[in-house]
Amino acid sequence: MNLFNPVESRVEPAATLVLGADTIAAQAGTIEVNRPAWPYFVLAMLVLLILEWVVYNQRIFV
């Protein structure tokens, strides 16, 4: 960002991009993102830990 230059201060995506002699047009649409799998593994381990705790506590009181 350059506050003294309005062209460099724009943060919205440009309609076209010029790379040397090539011009690339912007495309509208959604972007698919690969999400990391670790939050699902952490959630599964948490559920397993809670299930183990419940089974352990039921065994003590029976």
PDB file of N, CA and C in Angstrom:
ATOM      1  N   MET A   1       0.847  -1.178   0.000  1.00  0.00           N
ATOM      2  CA  MET A   1       0.000   0.000   0.000  1.00  0.00           C
ATOM      3  C   MET A   1       0.890   1.239   0.000  1.00  0.00           C
ATOM      4  N   ASN A   2       0.451   2.189  -0.755  1.00  0.00           N
ATOM      5  CA  ASN A   2       1.141   3.465  -0.812  1.00  0.00           C
ATOM      6  C   ASN A   2       0.067   4.533  -0.724  1.00  0.00           C
ATOM      7  N   LEU A   3      -0.014   5.223   0.390  1.00  0.00           N
ATOM      8  CA  LEU A   3      -1.079   6.203   0.595  1.00  0.00           C
ATOM      9  C   LEU A   3      -0.930   7.430  -0.290  1.00  0.00           C
ATOM     10  N   PHE A   4       0.247   7.659  -0.828  1.00  0.00           N
ATOM     11  CA  PHE A   4       0.459   8.815  -1.685  1.00  0.00           C
ATOM     12  C   PHE A   4       0.178   8.509  -3.154  1.00  0.00           C
ATOM     13  N   ASN A   5      -0.013   7.245  -3.492  1.00  0.00           N
ATOM     14  CA  ASN A   5      -0.296   6.858  -4.870  1.00  0.00           C
ATOM     15  C   ASN A   5      -1.645   6.143  -4.905  1.00  0.00           C
ATOM     16  N   PRO A   6      -2.685   6.744  -5.501  1.00  0.00           N
ATOM     17  CA  PRO A   6      -4.006   6.118  -5.495  1.00  0.00           C
ATOM     18  C   PRO A   6      -4.060   4.820  -6.296  1.00  0.00           C
ATOM     19  N   VAL A   7      -3.212   4.652  -7.284  1.00  0.00           N
ATOM     20  CA  VAL A   7      -3.214   3.414  -8.066  1.00  0.00           C
ATOM     21  C   VAL A   7      -2.713   2.249  -7.212  1.00  0.00           C
ATOM     22  N   GLU A   8      -1.679   2.472  -6.433  1.00  0.00           N
ATOM     23  CA  GLU A   8      -1.139   1.414  -5.585  1.00  0.00           C
ATOM     24  C   GLU A   8      -1.991   1.181  -4.342  1.00  0.00           C
ATOM     25  N   SER A   9      -2.837   2.121  -3.976  1.00  0.00           N
ATOM     26  CA  SER A   9      -3.656   1.992  -2.776  1.00  0.00           C
ATOM     27  C   SER A   9      -4.944   1.221  -3.017  1.00  0.00           C
ATOM     28  N   ARG A  10      -5.294   0.979  -4.273  1.00  0.00           N
ATOM     29  CA  ARG A  10      -6.514   0.222  -4.561  1.00  0.00           C
ATOM     30  C   ARG A  10      -6.318  -1.227  -4.144  1.00  0.00           C
ATOM     31  N   VAL A  11      -7.281  -1.773  -3.436  1.00  0.00           N
ATOM     32  CA  VAL A  11      -7.172  -3.153  -2.982  1.00  0.00           C
ATOM     33  C   VAL A  11      -8.153  -4.075  -3.692  1.00  0.00           C
ATOM     34  N   GLU A  12      -9.036  -3.538  -4.526  1.00  0.00           N
ATOM     35  CA  GLU A  12      -9.960  -4.400  -5.256  1.00  0.00           C
ATOM     36  C   GLU A  12      -9.219  -5.068  -6.413  1.00  0.00           C
ATOM     37  N   PRO A  13      -9.688  -6.230  -6.834  1.00  0.00           N
ATOM     38  CA  PRO A  13      -9.010  -6.917  -7.930  1.00  0.00           C
ATOM     39  C   PRO A  13      -9.169  -6.151  -9.241  1.00  0.00           C
ATOM     40  N   ALA A  14      -8.147  -6.192 -10.056  1.00  0.00           N
ATOM     41  CA  ALA A  14      -8.173  -5.496 -11.342  1.00  0.00           C
ATOM     42  C   ALA A  14      -8.969  -6.311 -12.356  1.00  0.00           C
ATOM     43  N   ALA A  15      -9.543  -5.622 -13.340  1.00  0.00           N
ATOM     44  CA  ALA A  15     -10.307  -6.301 -14.391  1.00  0.00           C
ATOM     45  C   ALA A  15      -9.376  -7.028 -15.354  1.00  0.00           C
ATOM     46  N   THR A  16      -8.197  -6.478 -15.592  1.00  0.00           N
ATOM     47  CA  THR A  16      -7.211  -7.126 -16.459  1.00  0.00           C
ATOM     48  C   THR A  16      -5.838  -7.050 -15.811  1.00  0.00           C
ATOM     49  N   LEU A  17      -4.986  -7.974 -16.215  1.00  0.00           N
ATOM     50  CA  LEU A  17      -3.617  -8.022 -15.725  1.00  0.00           C
ATOM     51  C   LEU A  17      -2.702  -8.095 -16.936  1.00  0.00           C
ATOM     52  N   VAL A  18      -1.745  -7.204 -17.014  1.00  0.00           N
ATOM     53  CA  VAL A  18      -0.813  -7.175 -18.140  1.00  0.00           C
ATOM     54  C   VAL A  18       0.525  -7.722 -17.670  1.00  0.00           C
ATOM     55  N   LEU A  19       0.962  -8.815 -18.301  1.00  0.00           N
ATOM     56  CA  LEU A  19       2.256  -9.434 -18.011  1.00  0.00           C
ATOM     57  C   LEU A  19       3.064  -9.444 -19.301  1.00  0.00           C
ATOM     58  N   GLY A  20       3.956  -8.504 -19.435  1.00  0.00           N
ATOM     59  CA  GLY A  20       4.741  -8.396 -20.664  1.00  0.00           C
ATOM     60  C   GLY A  20       3.840  -8.037 -21.826  1.00  0.00           C
ATOM     61  N   ALA A  21       3.795  -8.896 -22.839  1.00  0.00           N
ATOM     62  CA  ALA A  21       2.933  -8.662 -24.003  1.00  0.00           C
ATOM     63  C   ALA A  21       1.574  -9.323 -23.846  1.00  0.00           C
ATOM     64  N   ASP A  22       1.378 -10.115 -22.806  1.00  0.00           N
ATOM     65  CA  ASP A  22       0.122 -10.838 -22.602  1.00  0.00           C
ATOM     66  C   ASP A  22      -0.809 -10.051 -21.696  1.00  0.00           C
ATOM     67  N   THR A  23      -2.103 -10.094 -22.026  1.00  0.00           N
ATOM     68  CA  THR A  23      -3.139  -9.494 -21.189  1.00  0.00           C
ATOM     69  C   THR A  23      -4.060 -10.606 -20.712  1.00  0.00           C
ATOM     70  N   ILE A  24      -4.282 -10.663 -19.423  1.00  0.00           N
ATOM     71  CA  ILE A  24      -5.114 -11.704 -18.828  1.00  0.00           C
ATOM     72  C   ILE A  24      -6.356 -11.044 -18.262  1.00  0.00           C
ATOM     73  N   ALA A  25      -7.537 -11.540 -18.672  1.00  0.00           N
ATOM     74  CA  ALA A  25      -8.804 -10.987 -18.196  1.00  0.00           C
ATOM     75  C   ALA A  25      -9.223 -11.694 -16.912  1.00  0.00           C
ATOM     76  N   ALA A  26      -9.898 -10.959 -16.058  1.00  0.00           N
ATOM     77  CA  ALA A  26     -10.404 -11.530 -14.811  1.00  0.00           C
ATOM     78  C   ALA A  26     -11.603 -12.421 -15.100  1.00  0.00           C
ATOM     79  N   GLN A  27     -11.788 -13.431 -14.271  1.00  0.00           N
ATOM     80  CA  GLN A  27     -12.911 -14.345 -14.418  1.00  0.00           C
ATOM     81  C   GLN A  27     -13.789 -14.244 -13.188  1.00  0.00           C
ATOM     82  N   ALA A  28     -15.098 -14.176 -13.424  1.00  0.00           N
ATOM     83  CA  ALA A  28     -16.050 -14.146 -12.312  1.00  0.00           C
ATOM     84  C   ALA A  28     -16.419 -15.578 -11.945  1.00  0.00           C
ATOM     85  N   GLY A  29     -16.712 -15.790 -10.694  1.00  0.00           N
ATOM     86  CA  GLY A  29     -17.113 -17.120 -10.254  1.00  0.00           C
ATOM     87  C   GLY A  29     -16.607 -17.393  -8.856  1.00  0.00           C
ATOM     88  N   THR A  30     -16.916 -18.570  -8.392  1.00  0.00           N
ATOM     89  CA  THR A  30     -16.491 -18.958  -7.054  1.00  0.00           C
ATOM     90  C   THR A  30     -15.167 -19.704  -7.128  1.00  0.00           C
ATOM     91  N   ILE A  31     -14.441 -19.640  -6.057  1.00  0.00           N
ATOM     92  CA  ILE A  31     -13.156 -20.317  -5.955  1.00  0.00           C
ATOM     93  C   ILE A  31     -13.305 -21.446  -4.943  1.00  0.00           C
ATOM     94  N   GLU A  32     -12.941 -22.645  -5.363  1.00  0.00           N
ATOM     95  CA  GLU A  32     -12.989 -23.770  -4.441  1.00  0.00           C
ATOM     96  C   GLU A  32     -11.681 -23.817  -3.660  1.00  0.00           C
ATOM     97  N   VAL A  33     -11.820 -23.990  -2.364  1.00  0.00           N
ATOM     98  CA  VAL A  33     -10.652 -23.979  -1.488  1.00  0.00           C
ATOM     99  C   VAL A  33     -10.488 -25.363  -0.884  1.00  0.00           C
ATOM    100  N   ASN A  34      -9.275 -25.856  -0.905  1.00  0.00           N
ATOM    101  CA  ASN A  34      -8.988 -27.112  -0.223  1.00  0.00           C
ATOM    102  C   ASN A  34      -8.853 -26.817   1.261  1.00  0.00           C
ATOM    103  N   ARG A  35      -9.741 -27.384   2.037  1.00  0.00           N
ATOM    104  CA  ARG A  35      -9.717 -27.146   3.476  1.00  0.00           C
ATOM    105  C   ARG A  35      -8.831 -28.185   4.157  1.00  0.00           C
ATOM    106  N   PRO A  36      -8.163 -27.794   5.212  1.00  0.00           N
ATOM    107  CA  PRO A  36      -7.320 -28.762   5.918  1.00  0.00           C
ATOM    108  C   PRO A  36      -8.179 -29.795   6.649  1.00  0.00           C
ATOM    109  N   ALA A  37      -7.648 -31.002   6.766  1.00  0.00           N
ATOM    110  CA  ALA A  37      -8.391 -32.099   7.387  1.00  0.00           C
ATOM    111  C   ALA A  37      -8.190 -32.162   8.892  1.00  0.00           C
ATOM    112  N   TRP A  38      -7.197 -31.446   9.440  1.00  0.00           N
ATOM    113  CA  TRP A  38      -6.892 -31.612  10.862  1.00  0.00           C
ATOM    114  C   TRP A  38      -8.024 -31.205  11.792  1.00  0.00           C
ATOM    115  N   PRO A  39      -8.881 -30.206  11.487  1.00  0.00           N
ATOM    116  CA  PRO A  39      -9.966 -29.918  12.435  1.00  0.00           C
ATOM    117  C   PRO A  39     -10.948 -31.078  12.583  1.00  0.00           C
ATOM    118  N   TYR A  40     -11.158 -31.838  11.496  1.00  0.00           N
ATOM    119  CA  TYR A  40     -12.057 -32.985  11.576  1.00  0.00           C
ATOM    120  C   TYR A  40     -11.444 -34.103  12.414  1.00  0.00           C
ATOM    121  N   PHE A  41     -10.136 -34.297  12.296  1.00  0.00           N
ATOM    122  CA  PHE A  41      -9.467 -35.297  13.126  1.00  0.00           C
ATOM    123  C   PHE A  41      -9.492 -34.893  14.597  1.00  0.00           C
ATOM    124  N   VAL A  42      -9.311 -33.632  14.879  1.00  0.00           N
ATOM    125  CA  VAL A  42      -9.365 -33.147  16.260  1.00  0.00           C
ATOM    126  C   VAL A  42     -10.768 -33.335  16.822  1.00  0.00           C
ATOM    127  N   LEU A  43     -11.790 -33.041  16.032  1.00  0.00           N
ATOM    128  CA  LEU A  43     -13.171 -33.230  16.481  1.00  0.00           C
ATOM    129  C   LEU A  43     -13.456 -34.708  16.732  1.00  0.00           C
ATOM    130  N   ALA A  44     -12.985 -35.583  15.849  1.00  0.00           N
ATOM    131  CA  ALA A  44     -13.195 -37.020  16.037  1.00  0.00           C
ATOM    132  C   ALA A  44     -12.496 -37.508  17.302  1.00  0.00           C
ATOM    133  N   MET A  45     -11.290 -37.042  17.559  1.00  0.00           N
ATOM    134  CA  MET A  45     -10.567 -37.442  18.771  1.00  0.00           C
ATOM    135  C   MET A  45     -11.259 -36.916  20.024  1.00  0.00           C
ATOM    136  N   LEU A  46     -11.821 -35.710  19.942  1.00  0.00           N
ATOM    137  CA  LEU A  46     -12.543 -35.154  21.081  1.00  0.00           C
ATOM    138  C   LEU A  46     -13.799 -35.970  21.377  1.00  0.00           C
ATOM    139  N   VAL A  47     -14.528 -36.356  20.338  1.00  0.00           N
ATOM    140  CA  VAL A  47     -15.720 -37.193  20.528  1.00  0.00           C
ATOM    141  C   VAL A  47     -15.317 -38.538  21.113  1.00  0.00           C
ATOM    142  N   LEU A  48     -14.234 -39.122  20.614  1.00  0.00           N
ATOM    143  CA  LEU A  48     -13.764 -40.402  21.143  1.00  0.00           C
ATOM    144  C   LEU A  48     -13.342 -40.277  22.603  1.00  0.00           C
ATOM    145  N   LEU A  49     -12.687 -39.196  22.951  1.00  0.00           N
ATOM    146  CA  LEU A  49     -12.266 -38.969  24.331  1.00  0.00           C
ATOM    147  C   LEU A  49     -13.471 -38.810  25.258  1.00  0.00           C
ATOM    148  N   ILE A  50     -14.484 -38.083  24.827  1.00  0.00           N
ATOM    149  CA  ILE A  50     -15.695 -37.910  25.641  1.00  0.00           C
ATOM    150  C   ILE A  50     -16.428 -39.236  25.788  1.00  0.00           C
ATOM    151  N   LEU A  51     -16.501 -40.017  24.701  1.00  0.00           N
ATOM    152  CA  LEU A  51     -17.151 -41.326  24.766  1.00  0.00           C
ATOM    153  C   LEU A  51     -16.409 -42.248  25.731  1.00  0.00           C
ATOM    154  N   GLU A  52     -15.096 -42.241  25.694  1.00  0.00           N
ATOM    155  CA  GLU A  52     -14.305 -43.054  26.613  1.00  0.00           C
ATOM    156  C   GLU A  52     -14.524 -42.611  28.058  1.00  0.00           C
ATOM    157  N   TRP A  53     -14.608 -41.317  28.291  1.00  0.00           N
ATOM    158  CA  TRP A  53     -14.838 -40.799  29.633  1.00  0.00           C
ATOM    159  C   TRP A  53     -16.209 -41.230  30.156  1.00  0.00           C
ATOM    160  N   VAL A  54     -17.235 -41.175  29.292  1.00  0.00           N
ATOM    161  CA  VAL A  54     -18.588 -41.582  29.696  1.00  0.00           C
ATOM    162  C   VAL A  54     -18.609 -43.067  30.034  1.00  0.00           C
ATOM    163  N   VAL A  55     -17.992 -43.899  29.213  1.00  0.00           N
ATOM    164  CA  VAL A  55     -17.957 -45.340  29.482  1.00  0.00           C
ATOM    165  C   VAL A  55     -17.199 -45.616  30.778  1.00  0.00           C
ATOM    166  N   TYR A  56     -16.112 -44.943  31.013  1.00  0.00           N
ATOM    167  CA  TYR A  56     -15.335 -45.128  32.236  1.00  0.00           C
ATOM    168  C   TYR A  56     -16.156 -44.737  33.461  1.00  0.00           C
ATOM    169  N   ASN A  57     -16.871 -43.631  33.392  1.00  0.00           N
ATOM    170  CA  ASN A  57     -17.674 -43.199  34.537  1.00  0.00           C
ATOM    171  C   ASN A  57     -18.867 -44.110  34.769  1.00  0.00           C
ATOM    172  N   GLN A  58     -19.441 -44.668  33.746  1.00  0.00           N
ATOM    173  CA  GLN A  58     -20.554 -45.601  33.928  1.00  0.00           C
ATOM    174  C   GLN A  58     -20.062 -46.885  34.599  1.00  0.00           C
ATOM    175  N   ARG A  59     -18.864 -47.314  34.286  1.00  0.00           N
ATOM    176  CA  ARG A  59     -18.323 -48.528  34.872  1.00  0.00           C
ATOM    177  C   ARG A  59     -18.051 -48.357  36.357  1.00  0.00           C
ATOM    178  N   ILE A  60     -17.670 -47.182  36.780  1.00  0.00           N
ATOM    179  CA  ILE A  60     -17.373 -46.942  38.188  1.00  0.00           C
ATOM    180  C   ILE A  60     -18.648 -46.993  39.029  1.00  0.00           C
ATOM    181  N   PHE A  61     -19.737 -46.444  38.540  1.00  0.00           N
ATOM    182  CA  PHE A  61     -20.961 -46.345  39.334  1.00  0.00           C
ATOM    183  C   PHE A  61     -21.823 -47.593  39.263  1.00  0.00           C
ATOM    184  N   VAL A  62     -21.542 -48.550  38.404  1.00  0.00           N
ATOM    185  CA  VAL A  62     -22.384 -49.742  38.276  1.00  0.00           C
ATOM    186  C   VAL A  62     -21.935 -50.784  39.258  1.00  0.00           C
TER     187      VAL A  62
END
